[in-house]
Amino acid sequence: MSAPHPAPPPVTVADLQQLLAAVFAPWVQELRLQVQAVEPDGVMLRLPVDARHVHGGGVMCGQTLMSAADTAMVLAVSAQLGGFRPMTTVQLQTSFLRPVPQDAAEVTVVARVLKPGRQLVFGEVECLLPDGKLAAHATTTYALL
């Protein structure tokens, strides 16, 4: 009988913030995401509402929310693995439930790993308004490379 695999070392908020700065494309870094918390199954980020991400209708564009959701999930998977491992998004399905107004200070992005596998990781992401209401919900699948 083989010995169980040791648990990966814990990943901190500072580790993930550094990963965000080191691994992601410059335009993703321009979202100014801030890691707020790391849990065993996920992460919580702060996404400031910035005029650059508000479209003519006066609300945050869906592309910004989807980018934040995708980024948050990569960080959640990395935290669970004990550090970054190359991966690619296989599926990111997003439902937009209510608009994020341009005068909202921020969106809270909560990403949770639902089922980690050897090759595929499944997760979900919630984008929450300052009052806690759900603005967008995403389900995700990532392939570990």
Protein backbone atom coordinates (compact mmCIF):
# COMPACT_ATOMS: atom_id res chain seq x y z
CA MET A 1 0.00 0.00 0.00
CA SER A 2 1.44 3.37 -0.94
CA ALA A 3 1.66 6.25 1.47
CA PRO A 4 -0.85 9.08 0.99
CA HIS A 5 0.38 12.11 -0.90
CA PRO A 6 1.39 14.91 1.45
CA ALA A 7 -0.85 17.97 1.44
CA PRO A 8 0.53 20.90 -0.56
CA PRO A 9 1.94 23.75 1.49
CA PRO A 10 -0.61 26.42 2.39
CA VAL A 11 -0.84 29.35 -0.01
CA THR A 12 -1.29 32.83 1.46
CA VAL A 13 -3.07 35.96 0.27
CA ALA A 14 0.35 37.49 -0.41
CA ASP A 15 1.40 34.43 -2.46
CA LEU A 16 -1.67 34.73 -4.67
CA GLN A 17 -1.30 38.50 -5.06
CA GLN A 18 2.29 37.93 -6.21
CA LEU A 19 1.09 35.21 -8.59
CA LEU A 20 -1.47 37.61 -10.00
CA ALA A 21 1.30 40.10 -10.74
CA ALA A 22 3.74 37.55 -12.15
CA VAL A 23 1.68 35.17 -14.30
CA PHE A 24 -1.28 37.04 -15.77
CA ALA A 25 -1.30 39.22 -18.88
CA PRO A 26 -0.91 42.99 -18.38
CA TRP A 27 -4.53 43.69 -19.38
CA VAL A 28 -5.73 41.26 -16.67
CA GLN A 29 -3.50 43.04 -14.16
CA GLU A 30 -5.26 46.27 -15.17
CA LEU A 31 -8.42 44.91 -13.50
CA ARG A 32 -6.61 45.73 -10.21
CA LEU A 33 -7.90 42.59 -8.52
CA GLN A 34 -6.98 42.31 -4.86
CA VAL A 35 -6.88 38.94 -3.11
CA GLN A 36 -8.87 39.24 0.12
CA ALA A 37 -8.95 35.67 1.46
CA VAL A 38 -7.76 32.14 0.77
CA GLU A 39 -9.80 29.17 1.99
CA PRO A 40 -9.18 25.44 1.56
CA ASP A 41 -11.62 25.30 -1.36
CA GLY A 42 -11.31 28.76 -2.87
CA VAL A 43 -10.49 32.43 -2.84
CA MET A 44 -12.18 35.79 -2.46
CA LEU A 45 -11.08 38.79 -4.53
CA ARG A 46 -12.02 42.45 -4.68
CA LEU A 47 -12.70 43.92 -8.14
CA PRO A 48 -12.84 47.73 -8.10
CA VAL A 49 -15.48 49.25 -10.38
CA ASP A 50 -13.44 51.44 -12.69
CA ALA A 51 -14.67 53.77 -15.44
CA ARG A 52 -12.55 51.79 -17.94
CA HIS A 53 -14.81 48.78 -17.35
CA VAL A 54 -18.16 50.57 -17.61
CA HIS A 55 -19.93 50.62 -20.97
CA GLY A 56 -22.29 53.18 -22.45
CA GLY A 57 -25.23 51.79 -20.49
CA GLY A 58 -23.63 52.92 -17.23
CA VAL A 59 -22.88 49.43 -15.94
CA MET A 60 -19.79 47.24 -15.71
CA CYS A 61 -19.36 45.23 -18.90
CA GLY A 62 -19.76 41.48 -18.83
CA GLN A 63 -16.28 40.95 -20.27
CA THR A 64 -14.78 42.45 -17.12
CA LEU A 65 -16.83 40.18 -14.86
CA MET A 66 -15.94 37.11 -16.93
CA SER A 67 -12.25 38.00 -16.87
CA ALA A 68 -12.36 38.47 -13.10
CA ALA A 69 -14.21 35.15 -12.68
CA ASP A 70 -11.68 33.29 -14.85
CA THR A 71 -8.74 34.85 -13.02
CA ALA A 72 -10.23 34.11 -9.60
CA MET A 73 -10.70 30.47 -10.51
CA VAL A 74 -7.10 30.10 -11.69
CA LEU A 75 -6.04 31.49 -8.31
CA ALA A 76 -8.41 29.12 -6.46
CA VAL A 77 -7.02 26.11 -8.33
CA SER A 78 -3.46 27.32 -7.70
CA ALA A 79 -4.19 27.69 -3.99
CA GLN A 80 -5.55 24.17 -3.82
CA LEU A 81 -2.52 22.79 -5.68
CA GLY A 82 -0.09 24.63 -3.40
CA GLY A 83 1.11 26.93 -6.17
CA PHE A 84 0.67 27.77 -9.83
CA ARG A 85 0.54 25.00 -12.39
CA PRO A 86 -0.11 25.73 -16.06
CA MET A 87 -3.78 25.22 -16.92
CA THR A 88 -6.24 26.28 -19.54
CA THR A 89 -9.89 27.20 -19.41
CA VAL A 90 -12.00 24.50 -21.04
CA GLN A 91 -15.37 25.99 -20.17
CA LEU A 92 -16.55 29.22 -18.54
CA GLN A 93 -20.30 29.64 -18.58
CA THR A 94 -21.55 32.87 -17.07
CA SER A 95 -25.06 33.96 -16.17
CA PHE A 96 -25.55 37.68 -15.58
CA LEU A 97 -28.28 38.16 -12.98
CA ARG A 98 -28.22 41.90 -12.30
CA PRO A 99 -26.11 44.84 -13.48
CA VAL A 100 -23.15 46.26 -11.60
CA PRO A 101 -23.81 50.02 -11.57
CA GLN A 102 -20.97 52.40 -12.31
CA ASP A 103 -21.29 53.95 -8.84
CA ALA A 104 -20.72 50.63 -7.04
CA ALA A 105 -17.38 50.73 -5.29
CA GLU A 106 -16.44 47.12 -5.96
CA VAL A 107 -17.51 43.60 -6.79
CA THR A 108 -16.59 40.69 -4.54
CA VAL A 109 -15.51 37.68 -6.58
CA VAL A 110 -15.68 34.32 -4.79
CA ALA A 111 -14.24 31.29 -6.59
CA ARG A 112 -14.63 27.74 -5.25
CA VAL A 113 -13.15 24.49 -6.47
CA LEU A 114 -16.02 22.00 -6.57
CA LYS A 115 -14.16 18.92 -7.77
CA PRO A 116 -10.43 18.71 -8.28
CA GLY A 117 -9.19 15.96 -10.56
CA ARG A 118 -5.88 14.80 -11.95
CA GLN A 119 -6.56 16.42 -15.32
CA LEU A 120 -9.76 18.45 -14.96
CA VAL A 121 -10.89 20.82 -12.21
CA PHE A 122 -14.50 21.97 -11.85
CA GLY A 123 -15.49 25.14 -10.06
CA GLU A 124 -17.96 27.94 -9.62
CA VAL A 125 -17.61 31.68 -9.21
CA GLU A 126 -19.96 34.26 -7.72
CA CYS A 127 -19.67 37.99 -8.43
CA LEU A 128 -21.40 39.88 -5.64
CA LEU A 129 -22.56 43.49 -5.40
CA PRO A 130 -21.65 45.53 -2.30
CA ASP A 131 -25.06 44.65 -0.79
CA GLY A 132 -24.29 40.93 -1.20
CA LYS A 133 -26.68 40.36 -4.11
CA LEU A 134 -25.50 38.06 -6.86
CA ALA A 135 -24.57 39.96 -10.04
CA ALA A 136 -23.11 37.03 -11.99
CA HIS A 137 -22.60 33.31 -11.52
CA ALA A 138 -20.13 31.20 -13.49
CA THR A 139 -19.38 27.51 -13.73
CA THR A 140 -15.94 26.51 -14.89
CA THR A 141 -13.83 23.62 -16.09
CA TYR A 142 -10.02 23.81 -16.31
CA ALA A 143 -7.56 21.36 -17.81
CA LEU A 144 -4.29 21.00 -15.93
CA LEU A 145 -1.39 20.96 -18.37
